Amino acid sequence: MTDYLALLRQKTPTGATAKTAKSALRSLCSSPIALKGTTFSEITSWCWLVHFTDRDSLEVSVSPGASHAEVLASYPDALAAEPFVADIEEGAAPITCEQEAAIVGWLAEIGETDHRITTDVLTRCRHDSDARAYYRGRARGAVGGDLDDRRFCTQCENLQSGVCSVARLDGAVSAPRGYRPAPDILHRCAGYSPTTNCLTRAT
C-alpha cells in the first residue's frame, strides 16, 4: 500500500509508479491548462504526468505543489510534463466532515500538525479515492471511535479574510472583535460552521 503521508512530506517528486498514459501526449508545446493571464511556468500542481521517449509515462505526486520546471529538473530525461487532477470514481460519495475530522485527528495523534501537510492531505482525499481510502483506514485503526472534533479556522465559514466574524466578548467565540486566530492551530470552537467544502454539518 502506498504510504501517502511519506510522499506528502517530501518536496521532490517521489512515489511515482509506471503507468501507461491513458491518452496521447497532450499540449506538449503549450500549457495544458487554459488559465487566462497565467503562464505555464507559473502553474503549480501536486499531480503531474511525466512523459518519456523510451518508457511509459509516470504519474507523479509531489508536496507541496511543484512547478513545471521543478518537475522536469527532477526528471532530466523526461520529454514533457503536464499537470492533471486525479478524479474520484464516478458515483463515489464525497468525503464528509466527520471523515475529515477523523483524518485530522489521526494526523494530530501521530504528531503531524503542520497546517500545510494537513491541508494537502484533505485536498487529496477530496480528489483521489485511493488516498482517501488509505487515510480513512489509518484513521480508523489509530483513532477508533474517538472522533477529534477540533478544526483549523480555515475550515470555518466564519473566518473572513483572516478575521473571525463571530468573535465577541459575550459570544460563542469569546474574543474581541477583529480577532485573528492562528491558522495553523487546531481549535475546538463553539462557533465553528463548516465551509462549503464540508458537505455534512455537525449536529
N, C-alpha and C. Protein backbone atom coordinates (compact mmCIF):
# COMPACT_ATOMS: atom_id res chain seq x y z
N MET A 1 0.84 -1.20 0.00
CA MET A 1 0.00 0.00 0.00
C MET A 1 0.88 1.24 0.00
N THR A 2 0.49 2.21 -0.82
CA THR A 2 1.25 3.45 -0.90
C THR A 2 1.23 4.19 0.42
N ASP A 3 2.38 4.65 0.87
CA ASP A 3 2.45 5.47 2.08
C ASP A 3 2.31 6.93 1.65
N TYR A 4 1.07 7.38 1.56
CA TYR A 4 0.80 8.72 1.04
C TYR A 4 1.41 9.80 1.93
N LEU A 5 1.39 9.60 3.24
CA LEU A 5 1.92 10.63 4.13
C LEU A 5 3.41 10.83 3.91
N ALA A 6 4.13 9.74 3.67
CA ALA A 6 5.56 9.86 3.40
C ALA A 6 5.80 10.67 2.13
N LEU A 7 4.94 10.47 1.14
CA LEU A 7 5.07 11.23 -0.10
C LEU A 7 4.81 12.71 0.14
N LEU A 8 3.83 13.01 0.97
CA LEU A 8 3.49 14.40 1.23
C LEU A 8 4.59 15.15 1.94
N ARG A 9 5.40 14.42 2.71
CA ARG A 9 6.45 15.06 3.48
C ARG A 9 7.68 15.36 2.63
N GLN A 10 7.67 14.98 1.37
CA GLN A 10 8.83 15.19 0.53
C GLN A 10 8.54 16.24 -0.52
N LYS A 11 9.55 17.07 -0.79
CA LYS A 11 9.39 18.13 -1.79
C LYS A 11 9.59 17.61 -3.19
N THR A 12 10.64 16.79 -3.40
CA THR A 12 10.93 16.31 -4.74
C THR A 12 9.99 15.19 -5.09
N PRO A 13 9.63 15.03 -6.38
CA PRO A 13 8.69 14.01 -6.79
C PRO A 13 9.19 12.62 -6.45
N THR A 14 8.41 11.91 -5.64
CA THR A 14 8.71 10.53 -5.31
C THR A 14 7.41 9.77 -5.33
N GLY A 15 7.51 8.46 -5.23
CA GLY A 15 6.30 7.66 -5.20
C GLY A 15 5.67 7.50 -6.57
N ALA A 16 6.39 7.86 -7.62
CA ALA A 16 5.85 7.72 -8.95
C ALA A 16 5.78 6.24 -9.31
N THR A 17 4.73 5.86 -9.98
CA THR A 17 4.60 4.47 -10.41
C THR A 17 4.43 4.45 -11.92
N ALA A 18 5.05 3.47 -12.55
CA ALA A 18 4.94 3.36 -14.00
C ALA A 18 3.50 3.13 -14.39
N LYS A 19 3.02 3.90 -15.32
CA LYS A 19 1.63 3.77 -15.74
C LYS A 19 1.51 4.26 -17.17
N THR A 20 0.91 3.45 -18.02
CA THR A 20 0.76 3.84 -19.42
C THR A 20 -0.18 5.02 -19.51
N ALA A 21 0.19 6.00 -20.28
CA ALA A 21 -0.67 7.18 -20.44
C ALA A 21 -2.00 6.75 -21.04
N LYS A 22 -3.09 7.31 -20.52
CA LYS A 22 -4.41 6.93 -20.98
C LYS A 22 -4.79 7.65 -22.27
N SER A 23 -4.00 8.62 -22.65
CA SER A 23 -4.27 9.33 -23.89
C SER A 23 -2.94 9.72 -24.52
N ALA A 24 -3.00 10.18 -25.74
CA ALA A 24 -1.77 10.60 -26.42
C ALA A 24 -1.18 11.81 -25.72
N LEU A 25 0.08 12.09 -26.03
CA LEU A 25 0.71 13.27 -25.44
C LEU A 25 -0.12 14.49 -25.78
N ARG A 26 -0.40 15.29 -24.74
CA ARG A 26 -1.29 16.43 -24.94
C ARG A 26 -0.56 17.73 -24.71
N SER A 27 -0.74 18.65 -25.64
CA SER A 27 -0.27 20.03 -25.45
C SER A 27 1.18 20.09 -24.99
N LEU A 28 2.07 19.43 -25.69
CA LEU A 28 3.45 19.39 -25.25
C LEU A 28 4.17 20.72 -25.47
N CYS A 29 3.67 21.52 -26.38
CA CYS A 29 4.34 22.79 -26.66
C CYS A 29 3.65 23.98 -26.02
N SER A 30 2.55 23.74 -25.35
CA SER A 30 1.84 24.83 -24.70
C SER A 30 1.20 24.32 -23.43
N SER A 31 0.69 25.22 -22.64
CA SER A 31 0.10 24.85 -21.36
C SER A 31 -1.15 24.01 -21.56
N PRO A 32 -1.28 22.87 -20.84
CA PRO A 32 -2.49 22.07 -20.93
C PRO A 32 -3.62 22.68 -20.12
N ILE A 33 -3.32 23.72 -19.36
CA ILE A 33 -4.36 24.37 -18.57
C ILE A 33 -4.58 25.77 -19.12
N ALA A 34 -5.75 26.04 -19.58
CA ALA A 34 -6.03 27.34 -20.19
C ALA A 34 -6.44 28.33 -19.11
N LEU A 35 -5.45 28.96 -18.50
CA LEU A 35 -5.72 29.94 -17.47
C LEU A 35 -5.33 31.31 -18.00
N LYS A 36 -6.30 32.17 -18.15
CA LYS A 36 -6.05 33.49 -18.70
C LYS A 36 -5.08 34.25 -17.81
N GLY A 37 -4.04 34.79 -18.43
CA GLY A 37 -3.09 35.60 -17.69
C GLY A 37 -2.07 34.80 -16.91
N THR A 38 -2.10 33.48 -17.00
CA THR A 38 -1.16 32.64 -16.26
C THR A 38 -0.24 31.93 -17.23
N THR A 39 1.05 32.09 -17.08
CA THR A 39 2.00 31.40 -17.95
C THR A 39 2.25 30.00 -17.42
N PHE A 40 2.74 29.13 -18.29
CA PHE A 40 2.98 27.74 -17.91
C PHE A 40 3.95 27.65 -16.74
N SER A 41 4.95 28.54 -16.72
CA SER A 41 5.96 28.49 -15.66
C SER A 41 5.38 28.84 -14.30
N GLU A 42 4.21 29.52 -14.27
CA GLU A 42 3.62 29.92 -13.01
C GLU A 42 2.69 28.86 -12.43
N ILE A 43 2.33 27.87 -13.22
CA ILE A 43 1.41 26.84 -12.76
C ILE A 43 2.11 25.87 -11.81
N THR A 44 1.47 25.59 -10.69
CA THR A 44 1.97 24.56 -9.78
C THR A 44 0.87 23.52 -9.59
N SER A 45 1.27 22.29 -9.38
CA SER A 45 0.31 21.21 -9.19
C SER A 45 0.94 20.14 -8.32
N TRP A 46 0.10 19.36 -7.63
CA TRP A 46 0.64 18.25 -6.84
C TRP A 46 0.51 16.92 -7.57
N CYS A 47 -0.07 16.94 -8.79
CA CYS A 47 -0.12 15.74 -9.62
C CYS A 47 0.39 16.09 -11.02
N TRP A 48 1.38 15.34 -11.48
CA TRP A 48 1.96 15.58 -12.80
C TRP A 48 2.05 14.26 -13.56
N LEU A 49 1.80 14.34 -14.86
CA LEU A 49 2.02 13.20 -15.76
C LEU A 49 3.29 13.50 -16.53
N VAL A 50 4.34 12.71 -16.28
CA VAL A 50 5.66 12.94 -16.87
C VAL A 50 5.85 11.98 -18.03
N HIS A 51 6.19 12.51 -19.20
CA HIS A 51 6.32 11.71 -20.41
C HIS A 51 7.79 11.49 -20.76
N PHE A 52 8.08 10.30 -21.29
CA PHE A 52 9.43 9.93 -21.71
C PHE A 52 9.38 9.38 -23.13
N THR A 53 10.52 9.37 -23.80
CA THR A 53 10.57 8.84 -25.16
C THR A 53 10.76 7.33 -25.19
N ASP A 54 11.36 6.77 -24.13
CA ASP A 54 11.75 5.36 -24.16
C ASP A 54 11.02 4.49 -23.14
N ARG A 55 10.03 5.03 -22.45
CA ARG A 55 9.28 4.23 -21.48
C ARG A 55 7.92 4.86 -21.22
N ASP A 56 7.11 4.12 -20.47
CA ASP A 56 5.77 4.59 -20.18
C ASP A 56 5.80 5.87 -19.34
N SER A 57 4.73 6.61 -19.42
CA SER A 57 4.61 7.83 -18.63
C SER A 57 4.46 7.50 -17.15
N LEU A 58 4.81 8.47 -16.31
CA LEU A 58 4.70 8.31 -14.86
C LEU A 58 3.70 9.31 -14.31
N GLU A 59 2.84 8.83 -13.40
CA GLU A 59 2.01 9.72 -12.62
C GLU A 59 2.78 10.04 -11.34
N VAL A 60 3.09 11.31 -11.13
CA VAL A 60 3.95 11.73 -10.03
C VAL A 60 3.17 12.59 -9.05
N SER A 61 3.31 12.30 -7.76
CA SER A 61 2.70 13.11 -6.71
C SER A 61 3.79 13.86 -5.96
N VAL A 62 3.59 15.16 -5.73
CA VAL A 62 4.57 15.98 -5.02
C VAL A 62 3.87 16.83 -3.98
N SER A 63 4.59 17.18 -2.95
CA SER A 63 4.05 18.09 -1.93
C SER A 63 5.18 18.88 -1.31
N PRO A 64 5.09 20.21 -1.22
CA PRO A 64 3.98 20.99 -1.77
C PRO A 64 3.97 20.97 -3.29
N GLY A 65 2.96 21.58 -3.89
CA GLY A 65 2.85 21.58 -5.34
C GLY A 65 4.12 22.09 -6.01
N ALA A 66 4.46 21.49 -7.13
CA ALA A 66 5.69 21.86 -7.84
C ALA A 66 5.35 22.50 -9.18
N SER A 67 6.28 23.28 -9.68
CA SER A 67 6.11 23.92 -10.99
C SER A 67 6.57 22.97 -12.09
N HIS A 68 6.26 23.33 -13.32
CA HIS A 68 6.68 22.55 -14.48
C HIS A 68 8.20 22.40 -14.51
N ALA A 69 8.91 23.50 -14.26
CA ALA A 69 10.38 23.47 -14.29
C ALA A 69 10.94 22.58 -13.18
N GLU A 70 10.33 22.62 -12.00
CA GLU A 70 10.81 21.79 -10.89
C GLU A 70 10.62 20.31 -11.17
N VAL A 71 9.50 19.96 -11.78
CA VAL A 71 9.25 18.56 -12.11
C VAL A 71 10.25 18.08 -13.16
N LEU A 72 10.45 18.86 -14.20
CA LEU A 72 11.40 18.46 -15.25
C LEU A 72 12.83 18.40 -14.72
N ALA A 73 13.16 19.26 -13.75
CA ALA A 73 14.50 19.22 -13.17
C ALA A 73 14.72 17.92 -12.40
N SER A 74 13.65 17.37 -11.84
CA SER A 74 13.75 16.12 -11.10
C SER A 74 13.79 14.91 -12.02
N TYR A 75 13.35 15.09 -13.27
CA TYR A 75 13.37 14.01 -14.26
C TYR A 75 14.06 14.55 -15.52
N PRO A 76 15.39 14.64 -15.51
CA PRO A 76 16.12 15.25 -16.63
C PRO A 76 15.96 14.53 -17.96
N ASP A 77 15.57 13.25 -17.92
CA ASP A 77 15.39 12.51 -19.18
C ASP A 77 13.96 12.57 -19.68
N ALA A 78 13.11 13.38 -19.05
CA ALA A 78 11.71 13.47 -19.46
C ALA A 78 11.56 14.30 -20.73
N LEU A 79 10.59 13.92 -21.55
CA LEU A 79 10.27 14.67 -22.76
C LEU A 79 9.38 15.86 -22.44
N ALA A 80 8.41 15.65 -21.55
CA ALA A 80 7.46 16.71 -21.20
C ALA A 80 6.75 16.32 -19.91
N ALA A 81 6.05 17.28 -19.34
CA ALA A 81 5.25 17.02 -18.13
C ALA A 81 4.02 17.90 -18.18
N GLU A 82 2.91 17.37 -17.68
CA GLU A 82 1.67 18.14 -17.66
C GLU A 82 0.92 17.87 -16.36
N PRO A 83 0.34 18.91 -15.78
CA PRO A 83 -0.42 18.72 -14.55
C PRO A 83 -1.76 18.06 -14.84
N PHE A 84 -2.27 17.34 -13.87
CA PHE A 84 -3.59 16.75 -14.03
C PHE A 84 -4.24 16.65 -12.65
N VAL A 85 -5.53 16.40 -12.64
CA VAL A 85 -6.28 16.23 -11.40
C VAL A 85 -6.74 14.79 -11.32
N ALA A 86 -6.37 14.12 -10.23
CA ALA A 86 -6.83 12.75 -10.01
C ALA A 86 -8.30 12.80 -9.62
N ASP A 87 -9.13 12.08 -10.36
CA ASP A 87 -10.57 12.16 -10.15
C ASP A 87 -11.08 11.06 -9.23
N ILE A 88 -12.10 11.40 -8.45
CA ILE A 88 -12.84 10.39 -7.71
C ILE A 88 -13.68 9.60 -8.71
N GLU A 89 -13.77 8.28 -8.53
CA GLU A 89 -14.56 7.47 -9.44
C GLU A 89 -16.00 7.94 -9.49
N GLU A 90 -16.61 7.81 -10.66
CA GLU A 90 -18.00 8.23 -10.83
C GLU A 90 -18.89 7.49 -9.84
N GLY A 91 -19.75 8.22 -9.18
CA GLY A 91 -20.67 7.62 -8.22
C GLY A 91 -20.13 7.52 -6.81
N ALA A 92 -18.84 7.84 -6.61
CA ALA A 92 -18.26 7.76 -5.27
C ALA A 92 -18.82 8.89 -4.41
N ALA A 93 -19.12 8.57 -3.15
CA ALA A 93 -19.67 9.58 -2.24
C ALA A 93 -18.58 10.58 -1.86
N PRO A 94 -18.93 11.86 -1.74
CA PRO A 94 -17.94 12.87 -1.33
C PRO A 94 -17.53 12.66 0.12
N ILE A 95 -16.34 13.10 0.47
CA ILE A 95 -15.86 12.97 1.84
C ILE A 95 -16.69 13.87 2.74
N THR A 96 -17.00 13.39 3.94
CA THR A 96 -17.82 14.15 4.88
C THR A 96 -16.93 14.85 5.91
N CYS A 97 -17.53 15.79 6.64
CA CYS A 97 -16.78 16.49 7.69
C CYS A 97 -16.32 15.51 8.77
N GLU A 98 -17.16 14.50 9.08
CA GLU A 98 -16.77 13.53 10.10
C GLU A 98 -15.54 12.74 9.66
N GLN A 99 -15.49 12.38 8.38
CA GLN A 99 -14.33 11.66 7.87
C GLN A 99 -13.09 12.55 7.89
N GLU A 100 -13.26 13.82 7.51
CA GLU A 100 -12.13 14.74 7.56
C GLU A 100 -11.64 14.92 8.98
N ALA A 101 -12.58 15.02 9.93
CA ALA A 101 -12.20 15.20 11.33
C ALA A 101 -11.42 13.99 11.84
N ALA A 102 -11.83 12.79 11.43
CA ALA A 102 -11.12 11.59 11.85
C ALA A 102 -9.70 11.57 11.31
N ILE A 103 -9.54 12.00 10.06
CA ILE A 103 -8.21 12.04 9.45
C ILE A 103 -7.34 13.07 10.13
N VAL A 104 -7.90 14.26 10.40
CA VAL A 104 -7.16 15.31 11.11
C VAL A 104 -6.77 14.82 12.50
N GLY A 105 -7.68 14.11 13.16
CA GLY A 105 -7.38 13.57 14.48
C GLY A 105 -6.23 12.58 14.46
N TRP A 106 -6.22 11.71 13.44
CA TRP A 106 -5.13 10.75 13.32
C TRP A 106 -3.81 11.46 13.07
N LEU A 107 -3.82 12.47 12.19
CA LEU A 107 -2.59 13.22 11.92
C LEU A 107 -2.06 13.86 13.19
N ALA A 108 -2.96 14.45 13.99
CA ALA A 108 -2.54 15.07 15.24
C ALA A 108 -1.99 14.03 16.21
N GLU A 109 -2.61 12.85 16.21
CA GLU A 109 -2.19 11.78 17.12
C GLU A 109 -0.77 11.30 16.81
N ILE A 110 -0.40 11.31 15.55
CA ILE A 110 0.95 10.86 15.19
C ILE A 110 1.94 12.03 15.17
N GLY A 111 1.48 13.20 15.62
CA GLY A 111 2.38 14.34 15.72
C GLY A 111 2.51 15.18 14.47
N GLU A 112 1.66 14.95 13.48
CA GLU A 112 1.71 15.72 12.24
C GLU A 112 0.73 16.88 12.33
N THR A 113 1.21 18.04 12.75
CA THR A 113 0.33 19.20 12.94
C THR A 113 0.66 20.34 11.97
N ASP A 114 1.52 20.08 11.02
CA ASP A 114 1.86 21.10 10.01
C ASP A 114 0.61 21.41 9.19
N HIS A 115 0.17 22.66 9.22
CA HIS A 115 -1.06 23.05 8.54
C HIS A 115 -0.98 22.77 7.04
N ARG A 116 0.18 22.98 6.44
CA ARG A 116 0.35 22.73 5.01
C ARG A 116 0.13 21.26 4.68
N ILE A 117 0.71 20.38 5.50
CA ILE A 117 0.55 18.94 5.28
C ILE A 117 -0.90 18.53 5.46
N THR A 118 -1.54 19.02 6.54
CA THR A 118 -2.93 18.66 6.81
C THR A 118 -3.84 19.10 5.67
N THR A 119 -3.64 20.32 5.20
CA THR A 119 -4.45 20.83 4.09
C THR A 119 -4.24 20.00 2.84
N ASP A 120 -3.00 19.63 2.57
CA ASP A 120 -2.69 18.82 1.38
C ASP A 120 -3.34 17.44 1.49
N VAL A 121 -3.30 16.85 2.69
CA VAL A 121 -3.93 15.55 2.90
C VAL A 121 -5.43 15.63 2.60
N LEU A 122 -6.11 16.63 3.15
CA LEU A 122 -7.55 16.75 2.94
C LEU A 122 -7.88 17.04 1.48
N THR A 123 -7.04 17.82 0.82
CA THR A 123 -7.25 18.10 -0.61
C THR A 123 -7.16 16.82 -1.41
N ARG A 124 -6.18 16.01 -1.11
CA ARG A 124 -6.02 14.75 -1.83
C ARG A 124 -7.21 13.82 -1.58
N CYS A 125 -7.67 13.79 -0.34
CA CYS A 125 -8.80 12.92 -0.01
C CYS A 125 -10.06 13.33 -0.76
N ARG A 126 -10.19 14.61 -1.08
CA ARG A 126 -11.36 15.08 -1.81
C ARG A 126 -11.30 14.72 -3.30
N HIS A 127 -10.10 14.47 -3.82
CA HIS A 127 -9.93 14.27 -5.26
C HIS A 127 -9.36 12.91 -5.64
N ASP A 128 -8.85 12.15 -4.70
CA ASP A 128 -8.17 10.89 -5.01
C ASP A 128 -8.75 9.80 -4.11
N SER A 129 -9.51 8.89 -4.69
CA SER A 129 -10.19 7.86 -3.90
C SER A 129 -9.21 6.91 -3.24
N ASP A 130 -8.07 6.63 -3.88
CA ASP A 130 -7.07 5.75 -3.27
C ASP A 130 -6.47 6.40 -2.03
N ALA A 131 -6.15 7.69 -2.14
CA ALA A 131 -5.60 8.41 -0.98
C ALA A 131 -6.63 8.47 0.13
N ARG A 132 -7.89 8.71 -0.23
CA ARG A 132 -8.94 8.78 0.79
C ARG A 132 -9.07 7.45 1.53
N ALA A 133 -9.08 6.35 0.79
CA ALA A 133 -9.19 5.04 1.43
C ALA A 133 -8.01 4.77 2.36
N TYR A 134 -6.83 5.18 1.92
CA TYR A 134 -5.63 4.99 2.74
C TYR A 134 -5.74 5.75 4.05
N TYR A 135 -6.05 7.04 3.97
CA TYR A 135 -6.10 7.87 5.19
C TYR A 135 -7.25 7.48 6.09
N ARG A 136 -8.39 7.12 5.53
CA ARG A 136 -9.51 6.69 6.37
C ARG A 136 -9.18 5.40 7.10
N GLY A 137 -8.48 4.50 6.40
CA GLY A 137 -8.07 3.26 7.05
C GLY A 137 -7.11 3.50 8.20
N ARG A 138 -6.14 4.39 7.98
CA ARG A 138 -5.20 4.71 9.06
C ARG A 138 -5.91 5.38 10.22
N ALA A 139 -6.85 6.27 9.91
CA ALA A 139 -7.58 6.97 10.96
C ALA A 139 -8.45 6.01 11.76
N ARG A 140 -9.11 5.08 11.09
CA ARG A 140 -9.94 4.10 11.81
C ARG A 140 -9.10 3.23 12.72
N GLY A 141 -7.93 2.83 12.23
CA GLY A 141 -7.08 1.95 13.02
C GLY A 141 -6.47 2.63 14.23
N ALA A 142 -6.17 3.92 14.12
CA ALA A 142 -5.48 4.63 15.20
C ALA A 142 -6.43 5.33 16.15
N VAL A 143 -7.47 5.95 15.58
CA VAL A 143 -8.36 6.76 16.40
C VAL A 143 -9.53 5.96 16.93
N GLY A 144 -9.95 4.93 16.18
CA GLY A 144 -11.07 4.12 16.64
C GLY A 144 -12.33 4.95 16.67
N GLY A 145 -13.07 4.85 17.76
CA GLY A 145 -14.33 5.57 17.86
C GLY A 145 -14.19 6.96 18.44
N ASP A 146 -13.00 7.36 18.84
CA ASP A 146 -12.81 8.68 19.43
C ASP A 146 -12.59 9.71 18.33
N LEU A 147 -13.61 10.48 18.03
CA LEU A 147 -13.55 11.45 16.94
C LEU A 147 -12.98 12.77 17.44
N ASP A 148 -11.96 13.22 16.78
CA ASP A 148 -11.37 14.52 17.13
C ASP A 148 -12.23 15.60 16.48
N ASP A 149 -12.88 16.42 17.31
CA ASP A 149 -13.77 17.44 16.77
C ASP A 149 -13.10 18.80 16.62
N ARG A 150 -11.78 18.83 16.70
CA ARG A 150 -11.07 20.09 16.50
C ARG A 150 -10.95 20.40 15.01
N ARG A 151 -10.88 21.69 14.70
CA ARG A 151 -10.78 22.11 13.31
C ARG A 151 -9.77 23.24 13.19
N PHE A 152 -9.23 23.41 11.99
CA PHE A 152 -8.48 24.62 11.68
C PHE A 152 -9.50 25.70 11.35
N CYS A 153 -9.21 26.93 11.73
CA CYS A 153 -10.15 28.02 11.47
C CYS A 153 -10.38 28.23 9.98
N THR A 154 -9.44 27.81 9.15
CA THR A 154 -9.61 27.95 7.71
C THR A 154 -10.70 27.02 7.18
N GLN A 155 -11.17 26.07 8.01
CA GLN A 155 -12.26 25.18 7.62
C GLN A 155 -13.62 25.76 8.00
N CYS A 156 -13.63 26.94 8.59
CA CYS A 156 -14.86 27.54 9.11
C CYS A 156 -15.30 28.71 8.24
N GLU A 157 -16.60 28.75 7.91
CA GLU A 157 -17.09 29.83 7.05
C GLU A 157 -17.14 31.17 7.79
N ASN A 158 -16.98 31.15 9.11
CA ASN A 158 -16.98 32.40 9.86
C ASN A 158 -15.64 33.14 9.77
N LEU A 159 -14.63 32.48 9.20
CA LEU A 159 -13.34 33.15 9.02
C LEU A 159 -13.39 33.94 7.72
N GLN A 160 -13.38 35.25 7.83
CA GLN A 160 -13.47 36.14 6.67
C GLN A 160 -12.22 36.99 6.58
N SER A 161 -11.42 36.76 5.54
CA SER A 161 -10.16 37.50 5.34
C SER A 161 -9.27 37.41 6.56
N GLY A 162 -9.25 36.23 7.18
CA GLY A 162 -8.39 36.00 8.34
C GLY A 162 -8.97 36.45 9.66
N VAL A 163 -10.17 37.05 9.64
CA VAL A 163 -10.81 37.56 10.86
C VAL A 163 -12.01 36.70 11.21
N CYS A 164 -12.15 36.34 12.48
CA CYS A 164 -13.32 35.59 12.95
C CYS A 164 -14.50 36.54 13.01
N SER A 165 -15.49 36.33 12.15
CA SER A 165 -16.61 37.27 12.03
C SER A 165 -17.62 37.16 13.16
N VAL A 166 -17.54 36.10 13.98
CA VAL A 166 -18.49 35.94 15.09
C VAL A 166 -17.84 36.17 16.45
N ALA A 167 -16.61 36.64 16.45
CA ALA A 167 -15.90 36.87 17.71
C ALA A 167 -16.52 38.06 18.45
N ARG A 168 -16.93 37.82 19.69
CA ARG A 168 -17.45 38.85 20.59
C ARG A 168 -17.12 38.43 22.01
N LEU A 169 -16.92 39.38 22.86
CA LEU A 169 -16.55 39.04 24.24
C LEU A 169 -17.64 38.25 24.94
N ASP A 170 -18.90 38.42 24.52
CA ASP A 170 -20.00 37.70 25.16
C ASP A 170 -20.62 36.67 24.21
N GLY A 171 -19.89 36.31 23.15
CA GLY A 171 -20.44 35.40 22.16
C GLY A 171 -19.88 33.99 22.25
N ALA A 172 -20.24 33.17 21.25
CA ALA A 172 -19.77 31.78 21.21
C ALA A 172 -18.26 31.73 21.11
N VAL A 173 -17.69 32.67 20.37
CA VAL A 173 -16.23 32.82 20.31
C VAL A 173 -15.89 34.02 21.18
N SER A 174 -15.47 33.76 22.40
CA SER A 174 -15.21 34.83 23.37
C SER A 174 -13.87 35.48 23.09
N ALA A 175 -13.90 36.48 22.24
CA ALA A 175 -12.69 37.20 21.85
C ALA A 175 -13.10 38.58 21.34
N PRO A 176 -12.19 39.54 21.35
CA PRO A 176 -12.52 40.88 20.86
C PRO A 176 -12.87 40.85 19.38
N ARG A 177 -13.69 41.81 18.95
CA ARG A 177 -13.99 41.95 17.52
C ARG A 177 -12.68 42.18 16.76
N GLY A 178 -12.60 41.60 15.59
CA GLY A 178 -11.38 41.70 14.80
C GLY A 178 -10.36 40.63 15.14
N TYR A 179 -10.76 39.65 15.97
CA TYR A 179 -9.86 38.57 16.39
C TYR A 179 -9.36 37.78 15.18
N ARG A 180 -8.04 37.61 15.11
CA ARG A 180 -7.41 36.84 14.03
C ARG A 180 -6.81 35.57 14.63
N PRO A 181 -7.50 34.44 14.52
CA PRO A 181 -6.97 33.20 15.09
C PRO A 181 -5.77 32.68 14.32
N ALA A 182 -4.91 31.95 15.01
CA ALA A 182 -3.74 31.34 14.36
C ALA A 182 -4.23 30.30 13.36
N PRO A 183 -3.83 30.38 12.09
CA PRO A 183 -4.36 29.49 11.07
C PRO A 183 -3.84 28.06 11.14
N ASP A 184 -2.73 27.85 11.84
CA ASP A 184 -2.10 26.52 11.84
C ASP A 184 -2.28 25.78 13.15
N ILE A 185 -3.29 26.17 13.95
CA ILE A 185 -3.55 25.51 15.23
C ILE A 185 -4.97 24.96 15.22
N LEU A 186 -5.13 23.72 15.66
CA LEU A 186 -6.46 23.12 15.76
C LEU A 186 -7.20 23.71 16.95
N HIS A 187 -8.50 24.00 16.74
CA HIS A 187 -9.33 24.57 17.79
C HIS A 187 -10.59 23.72 17.98
N ARG A 188 -11.08 23.67 19.20
CA ARG A 188 -12.40 23.13 19.48
C ARG A 188 -13.27 24.35 19.77
N CYS A 189 -14.15 24.70 18.83
CA CYS A 189 -14.80 26.01 18.87
C CYS A 189 -16.32 25.88 18.78
N ALA A 190 -17.02 26.54 19.70
CA ALA A 190 -18.48 26.52 19.71
C ALA A 190 -19.06 27.30 18.54
N GLY A 191 -18.27 28.17 17.94
CA GLY A 191 -18.74 28.96 16.81
C GLY A 191 -18.43 28.35 15.46
N TYR A 192 -17.90 27.13 15.45
CA TYR A 192 -17.50 26.51 14.18
C TYR A 192 -18.69 26.28 13.26
N SER A 193 -18.54 26.67 12.01
CA SER A 193 -19.55 26.43 10.99
C SER A 193 -18.83 25.99 9.73
N PRO A 194 -19.05 24.75 9.26
CA PRO A 194 -18.27 24.21 8.14
C PRO A 194 -18.39 25.06 6.88
N THR A 195 -17.30 25.13 6.14
CA THR A 195 -17.33 25.78 4.84
C THR A 195 -18.06 24.90 3.86
N THR A 196 -18.26 25.40 2.65
CA THR A 196 -18.98 24.63 1.64
C THR A 196 -18.22 23.38 1.22
N ASN A 197 -16.92 23.27 1.57
CA ASN A 197 -16.17 22.05 1.28
C ASN A 197 -16.64 20.89 2.13
N CYS A 198 -17.22 21.22 3.29
CA CYS A 198 -17.71 20.19 4.19
C CYS A 198 -19.19 20.00 3.91
N LEU A 199 -19.56 18.83 3.42
CA LEU A 199 -20.92 18.61 2.96
C LEU A 199 -21.85 18.14 4.07
N THR A 200 -21.30 17.73 5.20
CA THR A 200 -22.13 17.29 6.31
C THR A 200 -21.89 18.20 7.48
N ARG A 201 -22.90 18.90 7.92
CA ARG A 201 -22.76 19.81 9.05
C ARG A 201 -22.92 19.05 10.35
N ALA A 202 -22.14 19.49 11.35
CA ALA A 202 -22.25 18.86 12.66
C ALA A 202 -23.62 19.13 13.24
N THR A 203 -24.17 18.14 13.94
CA THR A 203 -25.48 18.30 14.55
C THR A 203 -25.34 18.61 16.02
